[in-house]
C-alpha atoms as a PDB file:
ATOM      1  CA  MET A   1       0.000   0.000   0.000  1.00  0.00           C
ATOM      2  CA  THR A   2       1.356   3.413  -0.904  1.00  0.00           C
ATOM      3  CA  GLU A   3       1.903   6.111   1.689  1.00  0.00           C
ATOM      4  CA  ALA A   4      -1.030   8.141   0.358  1.00  0.00           C
ATOM      5  CA  THR A   5      -3.504   5.263   0.399  1.00  0.00           C
ATOM      6  CA  GLN A   6      -2.298   4.112   3.791  1.00  0.00           C
ATOM      7  CA  GLU A   7      -3.073   7.596   5.101  1.00  0.00           C
ATOM      8  CA  ILE A   8      -6.645   7.713   3.821  1.00  0.00           C
ATOM      9  CA  GLY A   9      -7.358   4.034   4.335  1.00  0.00           C
ATOM     10  CA  HIS A  10      -6.356   3.828   7.974  1.00  0.00           C
ATOM     11  CA  SER A  11      -6.001   7.233   9.592  1.00  0.00           C
ATOM     12  CA  ARG A  12      -8.997   8.488   7.582  1.00  0.00           C
ATOM     13  CA  PRO A  13     -11.439   5.642   7.008  1.00  0.00           C
ATOM     14  CA  LEU A  14     -13.670   5.704   3.939  1.00  0.00           C
ATOM     15  CA  ARG A  15     -16.486   3.450   5.083  1.00  0.00           C
ATOM     16  CA  SER A  16     -19.266   5.754   3.913  1.00  0.00           C
ATOM     17  CA  VAL A  17     -18.854   8.070   0.914  1.00  0.00           C
ATOM     18  CA  LEU A  18     -21.999  10.059   0.167  1.00  0.00           C
ATOM     19  CA  TYR A  19     -22.841  11.703  -3.163  1.00  0.00           C
ATOM     20  CA  MET A  20     -24.288  15.191  -2.721  1.00  0.00           C
ATOM     21  CA  PRO A  21     -25.728  17.241  -5.606  1.00  0.00           C
ATOM     22  CA  SER A  22     -23.762  20.481  -5.540  1.00  0.00           C
ATOM     23  CA  SER A  23     -26.689  22.382  -7.042  1.00  0.00           C
ATOM     24  CA  ASN A  24     -28.734  21.746  -3.883  1.00  0.00           C
ATOM     25  CA  THR A  25     -27.621  24.234  -1.226  1.00  0.00           C
ATOM     26  CA  ARG A  26     -30.034  22.800   1.343  1.00  0.00           C
ATOM     27  CA  ALA A  27     -28.494  19.351   0.936  1.00  0.00           C
ATOM     28  CA  LEU A  28     -24.984  20.773   1.217  1.00  0.00           C
ATOM     29  CA  GLU A  29     -25.953  22.519   4.439  1.00  0.00           C
ATOM     30  CA  LYS A  30     -27.436  19.312   5.860  1.00  0.00           C
ATOM     31  CA  ALA A  31     -24.318  17.389   4.872  1.00  0.00           C
ATOM     32  CA  LYS A  32     -22.345  19.249   7.535  1.00  0.00           C
ATOM     33  CA  THR A  33     -24.086  17.183  10.224  1.00  0.00           C
ATOM     34  CA  ILE A  34     -24.150  13.815   8.447  1.00  0.00           C
ATOM     35  CA  THR A  35     -21.699  11.276   9.849  1.00  0.00           C
ATOM     36  CA  ALA A  36     -20.347  10.110   6.493  1.00  0.00           C
ATOM     37  CA  ASP A  37     -16.580   9.632   6.324  1.00  0.00           C
ATOM     38  CA  ALA A  38     -16.442  11.448   2.985  1.00  0.00           C
ATOM     39  CA  LEU A  39     -18.596  13.479   0.605  1.00  0.00           C
ATOM     40  CA  ILE A  40     -18.553  13.504  -3.182  1.00  0.00           C
ATOM     41  CA  LEU A  41     -19.778  16.980  -4.128  1.00  0.00           C
ATOM     42  CA  ASP A  42     -21.268  16.158  -7.488  1.00  0.00           C
ATOM     43  CA  LEU A  43     -21.083  18.270 -10.619  1.00  0.00           C
ATOM     44  CA  GLU A  44     -21.937  15.397 -12.963  1.00  0.00           C
ATOM     45  CA  ASP A  45     -25.049  13.216 -13.099  1.00  0.00           C
ATOM     46  CA  ALA A  46     -26.909  14.848 -10.211  1.00  0.00           C
ATOM     47  CA  VAL A  47     -26.672  18.339 -11.746  1.00  0.00           C
ATOM     48  CA  SER A  48     -28.633  19.538 -14.784  1.00  0.00           C
ATOM     49  CA  PRO A  49     -26.696  21.369 -17.527  1.00  0.00           C
ATOM     50  CA  ASP A  50     -28.137  24.789 -16.716  1.00  0.00           C
ATOM     51  CA  ALA A  51     -27.318  24.365 -13.007  1.00  0.00           C
ATOM     52  CA  LYS A  52     -23.651  23.441 -13.434  1.00  0.00           C
ATOM     53  CA  PRO A  53     -22.173  26.965 -13.062  1.00  0.00           C
ATOM     54  CA  GLU A  54     -23.956  27.482  -9.743  1.00  0.00           C
ATOM     55  CA  ALA A  55     -23.041  23.948  -8.647  1.00  0.00           C
ATOM     56  CA  ARG A  56     -19.338  24.667  -9.268  1.00  0.00           C
ATOM     57  CA  GLU A  57     -19.543  27.728  -7.039  1.00  0.00           C
ATOM     58  CA  ASN A  58     -21.403  25.805  -4.333  1.00  0.00           C
ATOM     59  CA  ALA A  59     -18.941  22.907  -4.343  1.00  0.00           C
ATOM     60  CA  ALA A  60     -15.945  25.217  -4.157  1.00  0.00           C
ATOM     61  CA  ALA A  61     -17.544  27.201  -1.334  1.00  0.00           C
ATOM     62  CA  ALA A  62     -18.228  24.002   0.597  1.00  0.00           C
ATOM     63  CA  VAL A  63     -14.623  22.827   0.255  1.00  0.00           C
ATOM     64  CA  THR A  64     -13.154  26.126   1.396  1.00  0.00           C
ATOM     65  CA  SER A  65     -15.712  26.780   4.158  1.00  0.00           C
ATOM     66  CA  GLY A  66     -14.029  24.722   6.840  1.00  0.00           C
ATOM     67  CA  GLU A  67     -17.516  23.790   8.073  1.00  0.00           C
ATOM     68  CA  TYR A  68     -17.518  20.052   7.346  1.00  0.00           C
ATOM     69  CA  GLY A  69     -15.376  18.865  10.251  1.00  0.00           C
ATOM     70  CA  ASN A  70     -12.933  16.091   9.429  1.00  0.00           C
ATOM     71  CA  LYS A  71     -14.913  14.727   6.500  1.00  0.00           C
ATOM     72  CA  TYR A  72     -12.903  13.869   3.409  1.00  0.00           C
ATOM     73  CA  LEU A  73     -14.234  16.325   0.786  1.00  0.00           C
ATOM     74  CA  THR A  74     -14.086  15.498  -2.904  1.00  0.00           C
ATOM     75  CA  ILE A  75     -15.561  17.038  -6.042  1.00  0.00           C
ATOM     76  CA  ARG A  76     -16.816  14.873  -8.897  1.00  0.00           C
ATOM     77  CA  ILE A  77     -16.236  16.728 -12.150  1.00  0.00           C
ATOM     78  CA  ASN A  78     -17.689  15.923 -15.554  1.00  0.00           C
ATOM     79  CA  GLY A  79     -15.724  13.622 -17.844  1.00  0.00           C
ATOM     80  CA  ALA A  80     -12.883  14.798 -20.036  1.00  0.00           C
ATOM     81  CA  ASP A  81     -14.999  14.334 -23.165  1.00  0.00           C
ATOM     82  CA  THR A  82     -17.680  16.783 -22.048  1.00  0.00           C
ATOM     83  CA  GLN A  83     -18.080  20.524 -22.545  1.00  0.00           C
ATOM     84  CA  TRP A  84     -18.069  21.087 -18.768  1.00  0.00           C
ATOM     85  CA  HIS A  85     -14.825  19.309 -17.897  1.00  0.00           C
ATOM     86  CA  ALA A  86     -12.413  22.249 -18.264  1.00  0.00           C
ATOM     87  CA  ASP A  87     -14.548  24.649 -16.211  1.00  0.00           C
ATOM     88  CA  ASP A  88     -15.159  21.973 -13.571  1.00  0.00           C
ATOM     89  CA  LEU A  89     -11.452  21.242 -13.283  1.00  0.00           C
ATOM     90  CA  ALA A  90     -10.563  24.932 -13.034  1.00  0.00           C
ATOM     91  CA  ALA A  91     -13.071  25.423 -10.211  1.00  0.00           C
ATOM     92  CA  ALA A  92     -11.877  22.315  -8.375  1.00  0.00           C
ATOM     93  CA  ALA A  93      -8.247  23.346  -8.783  1.00  0.00           C
ATOM     94  CA  LYS A  94      -8.966  26.685  -7.143  1.00  0.00           C
ATOM     95  CA  ALA A  95     -10.910  25.098  -4.273  1.00  0.00           C
ATOM     96  CA  GLY A  96      -8.355  22.354  -3.567  1.00  0.00           C
ATOM     97  CA  PRO A  97     -10.517  19.476  -2.258  1.00  0.00           C
ATOM     98  CA  ASP A  98      -8.998  16.322  -0.809  1.00  0.00           C
ATOM     99  CA  ALA A  99      -9.635  14.608  -4.142  1.00  0.00           C
ATOM    100  CA  ILE A 100     -11.168  15.126  -7.546  1.00  0.00           C
ATOM    101  CA  VAL A 101     -13.389  12.284  -8.717  1.00  0.00           C
ATOM    102  CA  VAL A 102     -13.391  11.642 -12.467  1.00  0.00           C
ATOM    103  CA  PRO A 103     -16.039   9.429 -14.081  1.00  0.00           C
ATOM    104  CA  LYS A 104     -15.525   6.815 -16.781  1.00  0.00           C
ATOM    105  CA  VAL A 105     -11.761   6.357 -16.535  1.00  0.00           C
ATOM    106  CA  ASN A 106     -11.015   3.560 -18.993  1.00  0.00           C
ATOM    107  CA  SER A 107      -7.240   3.385 -19.457  1.00  0.00           C
ATOM    108  CA  ALA A 108      -3.836   4.090 -17.966  1.00  0.00           C
ATOM    109  CA  GLN A 109      -3.296   6.717 -20.676  1.00  0.00           C
ATOM    110  CA  GLN A 110      -6.417   8.514 -19.491  1.00  0.00           C
ATOM    111  CA  VAL A 111      -4.961   8.597 -15.966  1.00  0.00           C
ATOM    112  CA  HIS A 112      -1.699  10.041 -17.324  1.00  0.00           C
ATOM    113  CA  ASP A 113      -3.688  12.686 -19.231  1.00  0.00           C
ATOM    114  CA  LEU A 114      -5.729  13.586 -16.153  1.00  0.00           C
ATOM    115  CA  VAL A 115      -2.649  13.929 -13.967  1.00  0.00           C
ATOM    116  CA  ALA A 116      -1.083  16.190 -16.589  1.00  0.00           C
ATOM    117  CA  ALA A 117      -4.308  18.213 -16.754  1.00  0.00           C
ATOM    118  CA  PHE A 118      -4.293  18.507 -12.940  1.00  0.00           C
ATOM    119  CA  GLU A 119      -0.782  19.942 -13.047  1.00  0.00           C
ATOM    120  CA  LYS A 120      -1.600  22.316 -15.905  1.00  0.00           C
ATOM    121  CA  ALA A 121      -4.724  23.551 -14.099  1.00  0.00           C
ATOM    122  CA  GLY A 122      -2.782  24.163 -10.886  1.00  0.00           C
ATOM    123  CA  VAL A 123      -4.536  21.526  -8.793  1.00  0.00           C
ATOM    124  CA  PRO A 124      -2.798  21.529  -5.373  1.00  0.00           C
ATOM    125  CA  GLU A 125      -0.377  18.646  -4.890  1.00  0.00           C
ATOM    126  CA  GLN A 126      -2.317  17.318  -1.908  1.00  0.00           C
ATOM    127  CA  THR A 127      -5.464  16.910  -4.019  1.00  0.00           C
ATOM    128  CA  LYS A 128      -5.626  13.306  -5.172  1.00  0.00           C
ATOM    129  CA  LEU A 129      -7.321  11.648  -8.140  1.00  0.00           C
ATOM    130  CA  TRP A 130     -10.167   9.176  -7.642  1.00  0.00           C
ATOM    131  CA  ALA A 131     -11.014   7.209 -10.770  1.00  0.00           C
ATOM    132  CA  MET A 132     -14.443   5.752 -11.439  1.00  0.00           C
ATOM    133  CA  ILE A 133     -14.426   2.263 -12.920  1.00  0.00           C
ATOM    134  CA  GLU A 134     -17.739   1.782 -14.685  1.00  0.00           C
ATOM    135  CA  SER A 135     -17.304   0.047 -18.030  1.00  0.00           C
ATOM    136  CA  PRO A 136     -16.393  -3.482 -19.162  1.00  0.00           C
ATOM    137  CA  TYR A 137     -13.221  -2.108 -20.774  1.00  0.00           C
ATOM    138  CA  ALA A 138     -12.189  -0.420 -17.531  1.00  0.00           C
ATOM    139  CA  ILE A 139     -12.778  -3.624 -15.573  1.00  0.00           C
ATOM    140  CA  LEU A 140     -10.525  -5.550 -17.950  1.00  0.00           C
ATOM    141  CA  HIS A 141      -7.799  -2.894 -17.572  1.00  0.00           C
ATOM    142  CA  ALA A 142      -8.353  -2.037 -13.900  1.00  0.00           C
ATOM    143  CA  GLU A 143      -4.864  -2.994 -12.732  1.00  0.00           C
ATOM    144  CA  GLU A 144      -3.251  -0.810 -15.423  1.00  0.00           C
ATOM    145  CA  ILE A 145      -5.517   2.087 -14.429  1.00  0.00           C
ATOM    146  CA  ALA A 146      -4.912   1.663 -10.696  1.00  0.00           C
ATOM    147  CA  SER A 147      -1.129   1.527 -11.030  1.00  0.00           C
ATOM    148  CA  ALA A 148      -0.806   4.336 -13.586  1.00  0.00           C
ATOM    149  CA  SER A 149      -0.048   7.094 -11.064  1.00  0.00           C
ATOM    150  CA  GLU A 150       0.688   7.601  -7.370  1.00  0.00           C
ATOM    151  CA  ARG A 151      -1.725  10.528  -7.521  1.00  0.00           C
ATOM    152  CA  LEU A 152      -4.556   8.086  -8.119  1.00  0.00           C
ATOM    153  CA  THR A 153      -5.392   6.824  -4.642  1.00  0.00           C
ATOM    154  CA  VAL A 154      -8.940   5.465  -4.863  1.00  0.00           C
ATOM    155  CA  LEU A 155     -10.976   3.394  -7.330  1.00  0.00           C
ATOM    156  CA  VAL A 156     -14.716   4.069  -7.223  1.00  0.00           C
ATOM    157  CA  MET A 157     -17.051   1.460  -8.671  1.00  0.00           C
ATOM    158  CA  GLY A 158     -19.741   2.893 -10.939  1.00  0.00           C
ATOM    159  CA  THR A 159     -22.037  -0.099 -10.834  1.00  0.00           C
ATOM    160  CA  ASN A 160     -25.075   1.593 -12.405  1.00  0.00           C
ATOM    161  CA  ASP A 161     -23.182   2.357 -15.603  1.00  0.00           C
ATOM    162  CA  LEU A 162     -21.521  -1.057 -15.493  1.00  0.00           C
ATOM    163  CA  VAL A 163     -24.924  -2.771 -15.316  1.00  0.00           C
ATOM    164  CA  LYS A 164     -26.087  -0.687 -18.257  1.00  0.00           C
ATOM    165  CA  GLU A 165     -23.071  -1.531 -20.397  1.00  0.00           C
ATOM    166  CA  LEU A 166     -23.203  -5.235 -19.560  1.00  0.00           C
ATOM    167  CA  TYR A 167     -26.880  -5.373 -20.682  1.00  0.00           C
ATOM    168  CA  VAL A 168     -27.876  -6.952 -17.364  1.00  0.00           C
ATOM    169  CA  ASP A 169     -30.266  -6.057 -14.557  1.00  0.00           C
ATOM    170  CA  HIS A 170     -29.754  -5.159 -10.919  1.00  0.00           C
ATOM    171  CA  VAL A 171     -30.436  -8.407  -9.044  1.00  0.00           C
ATOM    172  CA  PRO A 172     -30.165  -9.380  -5.370  1.00  0.00           C
ATOM    173  CA  GLY A 173     -26.739 -10.808  -4.660  1.00  0.00           C
ATOM    174  CA  ARG A 174     -25.243  -9.226  -7.810  1.00  0.00           C
ATOM    175  CA  ALA A 175     -24.341 -12.605  -9.302  1.00  0.00           C
ATOM    176  CA  ASN A 176     -23.981 -10.930 -12.707  1.00  0.00           C
ATOM    177  CA  LEU A 177     -21.401  -8.479 -11.311  1.00  0.00           C
ATOM    178  CA  VAL A 178     -19.322 -10.763  -9.111  1.00  0.00           C
ATOM    179  CA  ALA A 179     -16.522 -11.252 -11.648  1.00  0.00           C
ATOM    180  CA  SER A 180     -16.299  -7.508 -12.329  1.00  0.00           C
ATOM    181  CA  LEU A 181     -16.325  -6.568  -8.650  1.00  0.00           C
ATOM    182  CA  GLN A 182     -13.641  -9.077  -7.752  1.00  0.00           C
ATOM    183  CA  LEU A 183     -11.420  -8.094 -10.682  1.00  0.00           C
ATOM    184  CA  ALA A 184     -11.617  -4.480  -9.527  1.00  0.00           C
ATOM    185  CA  VAL A 185     -10.758  -5.430  -5.933  1.00  0.00           C
ATOM    186  CA  LEU A 186      -7.826  -7.516  -7.175  1.00  0.00           C
ATOM    187  CA  ALA A 187      -6.571  -4.525  -9.159  1.00  0.00           C
ATOM    188  CA  ALA A 188      -6.823  -2.246  -6.158  1.00  0.00           C
ATOM    189  CA  ARG A 189      -5.054  -4.636  -3.826  1.00  0.00           C
ATOM    190  CA  ALA A 190      -2.312  -5.444  -6.367  1.00  0.00           C
ATOM    191  CA  SER A 191      -1.546  -1.741  -6.769  1.00  0.00           C
ATOM    192  CA  GLY A 192      -2.026  -0.729  -3.133  1.00  0.00           C
ATOM    193  CA  LYS A 193      -5.079   1.461  -3.685  1.00  0.00           C
ATOM    194  CA  ILE A 194      -8.335   1.975  -1.824  1.00  0.00           C
ATOM    195  CA  ILE A 195     -11.522   0.745  -3.523  1.00  0.00           C
ATOM    196  CA  LEU A 196     -15.139   1.766  -2.898  1.00  0.00           C
ATOM    197  CA  ASP A 197     -18.181  -0.292  -3.789  1.00  0.00           C
ATOM    198  CA  GLY A 198     -20.972   1.142  -5.953  1.00  0.00           C
ATOM    199  CA  VAL A 199     -24.287   2.557  -4.783  1.00  0.00           C
ATOM    200  CA  TYR A 200     -27.466   0.737  -3.716  1.00  0.00           C
ATOM    201  CA  ASN A 201     -30.345   2.393  -5.529  1.00  0.00           C
ATOM    202  CA  ASN A 202     -33.382   1.440  -3.426  1.00  0.00           C
ATOM    203  CA  VAL A 203     -33.162   3.674  -0.360  1.00  0.00           C
ATOM    204  CA  LYS A 204     -36.304   2.090   1.143  1.00  0.00           C
ATOM    205  CA  ASP A 205     -34.952  -1.471   1.024  1.00  0.00           C
ATOM    206  CA  GLY A 206     -33.000  -1.648   4.269  1.00  0.00           C
ATOM    207  CA  GLU A 207     -32.637  -5.429   4.205  1.00  0.00           C
ATOM    208  CA  GLY A 208     -31.294  -5.489   0.653  1.00  0.00           C
ATOM    209  CA  TYR A 209     -28.931  -2.633   1.413  1.00  0.00           C
ATOM    210  CA  ALA A 210     -27.549  -4.357   4.513  1.00  0.00           C
ATOM    211  CA  ALA A 211     -26.954  -7.529   2.508  1.00  0.00           C
ATOM    212  CA  GLU A 212     -25.040  -5.591  -0.153  1.00  0.00           C
ATOM    213  CA  VAL A 213     -22.903  -3.812   2.463  1.00  0.00           C
ATOM    214  CA  GLU A 214     -21.987  -7.193   3.939  1.00  0.00           C
ATOM    215  CA  GLN A 215     -21.224  -8.569   0.485  1.00  0.00           C
ATOM    216  CA  GLY A 216     -18.966  -5.605  -0.254  1.00  0.00           C
ATOM    217  CA  ARG A 217     -17.095  -6.102   3.011  1.00  0.00           C
ATOM    218  CA  ILE A 218     -16.625  -9.804   2.313  1.00  0.00           C
ATOM    219  CA  PHE A 219     -15.361  -9.043  -1.202  1.00  0.00           C
ATOM    220  CA  GLY A 220     -12.697  -6.722   0.232  1.00  0.00           C
ATOM    221  CA  PHE A 221     -14.037  -3.248  -0.484  1.00  0.00           C
ATOM    222  CA  ASP A 222     -12.894  -0.528   1.927  1.00  0.00           C
ATOM    223  CA  GLY A 223     -16.240   1.253   1.926  1.00  0.00           C
ATOM    224  CA  LYS A 224     -19.330   2.041  -0.101  1.00  0.00           C
ATOM    225  CA  THR A 225     -20.587   4.988  -2.103  1.00  0.00           C
ATOM    226  CA  LEU A 226     -24.048   6.128  -1.040  1.00  0.00           C
ATOM    227  CA  ILE A 227     -26.947   8.096  -2.471  1.00  0.00           C
ATOM    228  CA  HIS A 228     -28.920   8.897   0.682  1.00  0.00           C
ATOM    229  CA  PRO A 229     -28.028   9.985   4.239  1.00  0.00           C
ATOM    230  CA  ALA A 230     -30.138   7.108   5.614  1.00  0.00           C
ATOM    231  CA  GLN A 231     -27.535   4.692   4.245  1.00  0.00           C
ATOM    232  CA  VAL A 232     -24.603   6.183   6.178  1.00  0.00           C
ATOM    233  CA  ASP A 233     -24.996   4.349   9.487  1.00  0.00           C
ATOM    234  CA  GLY A 234     -25.221   0.960   7.770  1.00  0.00           C
ATOM    235  CA  ALA A 235     -21.990   1.526   5.868  1.00  0.00           C
ATOM    236  CA  ASN A 236     -20.188   2.902   8.917  1.00  0.00           C
ATOM    237  CA  ALA A 237     -21.119  -0.189  10.914  1.00  0.00           C
ATOM    238  CA  GLY A 238     -20.664  -2.668   8.085  1.00  0.00           C
ATOM    239  CA  PHE A 239     -17.153  -1.616   7.124  1.00  0.00           C
ATOM    240  CA  ALA A 240     -15.888  -1.238  10.702  1.00  0.00           C
ATOM    241  CA  PRO A 241     -14.365  -4.133  12.640  1.00  0.00           C
ATOM    242  CA  SER A 242     -16.894  -5.618  15.071  1.00  0.00           C
ATOM    243  CA  GLU A 243     -16.267  -5.545  18.828  1.00  0.00           C
ATOM    244  CA  GLN A 244     -15.600  -9.279  18.690  1.00  0.00           C
ATOM    245  CA  ALA A 245     -13.108  -8.838  15.844  1.00  0.00           C
ATOM    246  CA  VAL A 246     -11.233  -6.177  17.816  1.00  0.00           C
ATOM    247  CA  ALA A 247     -11.206  -8.335  20.956  1.00  0.00           C
ATOM    248  CA  ASP A 248      -9.930 -11.319  18.990  1.00  0.00           C
ATOM    249  CA  ALA A 249      -7.233  -9.190  17.336  1.00  0.00           C
ATOM    250  CA  LYS A 250      -5.990  -7.963  20.710  1.00  0.00           C
ATOM    251  CA  GLY A 251      -6.057 -11.465  22.178  1.00  0.00           C
ATOM    252  CA  LEU A 252      -4.209 -12.965  19.230  1.00  0.00           C
ATOM    253  CA  ILE A 253      -1.473 -10.314  19.344  1.00  0.00           C
ATOM    254  CA  GLU A 254      -1.059 -10.672  23.110  1.00  0.00           C
ATOM    255  CA  THR A 255      -0.784 -14.440  22.762  1.00  0.00           C
ATOM    256  CA  TRP A 256       1.750 -14.128  19.948  1.00  0.00           C
ATOM    257  CA  GLU A 257       3.886 -11.613  21.831  1.00  0.00           C
ATOM    258  CA  ALA A 258       3.849 -13.758  24.975  1.00  0.00           C
ATOM    259  CA  SER A 259       4.991 -16.890  23.145  1.00  0.00           C
ATOM    260  CA  ASP A 260       8.461 -18.399  23.645  1.00  0.00           C
ATOM    261  CA  GLY A 261       9.039 -19.142  19.965  1.00  0.00           C
ATOM    262  CA  GLY A 262       7.203 -22.476  19.840  1.00  0.00           C
ATOM    263  CA  VAL A 263       3.908 -23.305  18.168  1.00  0.00           C
ATOM    264  CA  VAL A 264       1.324 -20.628  19.003  1.00  0.00           C
ATOM    265  CA  THR A 265      -2.428 -21.168  19.090  1.00  0.00           C
ATOM    266  CA  TYR A 266      -5.305 -18.795  19.847  1.00  0.00           C
ATOM    267  CA  ASN A 267      -8.875 -20.020  20.347  1.00  0.00           C
ATOM    268  CA  GLY A 268      -7.734 -23.439  19.166  1.00  0.00           C
ATOM    269  CA  LYS A 269      -6.289 -22.179  15.868  1.00  0.00           C
ATOM    270  CA  MET A 270      -2.621 -22.061  14.885  1.00  0.00           C
ATOM    271  CA  VAL A 271      -1.210 -18.531  14.688  1.00  0.00           C
ATOM    272  CA  GLU A 272       1.361 -17.458  12.126  1.00  0.00           C
ATOM    273  CA  ASN A 273       2.903 -14.099  11.409  1.00  0.00           C
ATOM    274  CA  LEU A 274       0.360 -13.398   8.655  1.00  0.00           C
ATOM    275  CA  HIS A 275      -2.449 -13.705  11.223  1.00  0.00           C
ATOM    276  CA  VAL A 276      -0.670 -11.209  13.435  1.00  0.00           C
ATOM    277  CA  GLU A 277      -0.357  -8.771  10.538  1.00  0.00           C
ATOM    278  CA  SER A 278      -4.085  -9.089   9.845  1.00  0.00           C
ATOM    279  CA  ALA A 279      -4.866  -8.547  13.532  1.00  0.00           C
ATOM    280  CA  ARG A 280      -2.726  -5.407  13.621  1.00  0.00           C
ATOM    281  CA  ARG A 281      -4.528  -4.103  10.520  1.00  0.00           C
ATOM    282  CA  THR A 282      -7.861  -4.683  12.262  1.00  0.00           C
ATOM    283  CA  LEU A 283      -6.714  -2.716  15.302  1.00  0.00           C
ATOM    284  CA  SER A 284      -5.312   0.048  13.099  1.00  0.00           C
ATOM    285  CA  ILE A 285      -8.670   0.489  11.363  1.00  0.00           C
ATOM    286  CA  ALA A 286     -10.551   0.387  14.673  1.00  0.00           C
ATOM    287  CA  GLU A 287      -8.259   3.016  16.165  1.00  0.00           C
ATOM    288  CA  ALA A 288      -8.664   5.265  13.126  1.00  0.00           C
ATOM    289  CA  ILE A 289     -12.451   5.030  13.387  1.00  0.00           C
ATOM    290  CA  ALA A 290     -12.359   5.714  17.124  1.00  0.00           C
ATOM    291  CA  ALA A 291     -10.302   8.836  16.454  1.00  0.00           C
ATOM    292  CA  LEU A 292     -12.964  10.371  14.161  1.00  0.00           C
END
């Protein structure tokens, strides 16, 4: 894991990442009190063409306000092939969010071009690039995309667009997306990047949402992108180590450290160094969450 991703993955958890339409000032005001780990201030799909200028101003004002506590603030700009991209990037560069989210990133060359555009536009060095993976081509080239630049720190799954391009439907359990999701997670882990699961569209289906959060955690995602504040608590709980997991991690480490070099067991299971590393990662995440 790179230094940058280690910083945002552990010291700043990304369990819950909430899209907010930047054209909606009431929503932006409410977002100050929402307990999401991060916000994506959207200039793309959630904003109509005639509202984009105002949305740029609102997003920039939110980033520079200092009124969102320790939330990780990002701005999603329109894609490089759109008429709004240049103006979006200029506004984001001036505001200097924690990251700029770019939709429909399909190749390593596109990452190189975006990083060059960031530098040309004067985007502050501390502002990272988050790339949305939302096409079959991007899935098949996810490792190349993820490893194209140190400035790219997070992959964001765009599962709605992926479903559209695969000509499939949203189904419980996402059996038709499993291969794509796991390829993306493999790419993120191989390149040391953070990866966020896609959104769950039915905000009234709490049971289905909880099942998808659990599936994302099992698959290895670091957190989930969200479309409604009501989904925040579920993601925060689902992507945090449980009390039992933290207790087991502490017990395993204590047992390991107290050993005399012989065979070590904890709760009847053999302990090796790799188990200790996993336990320390669990404690690191728990401590980062507790520090929020």
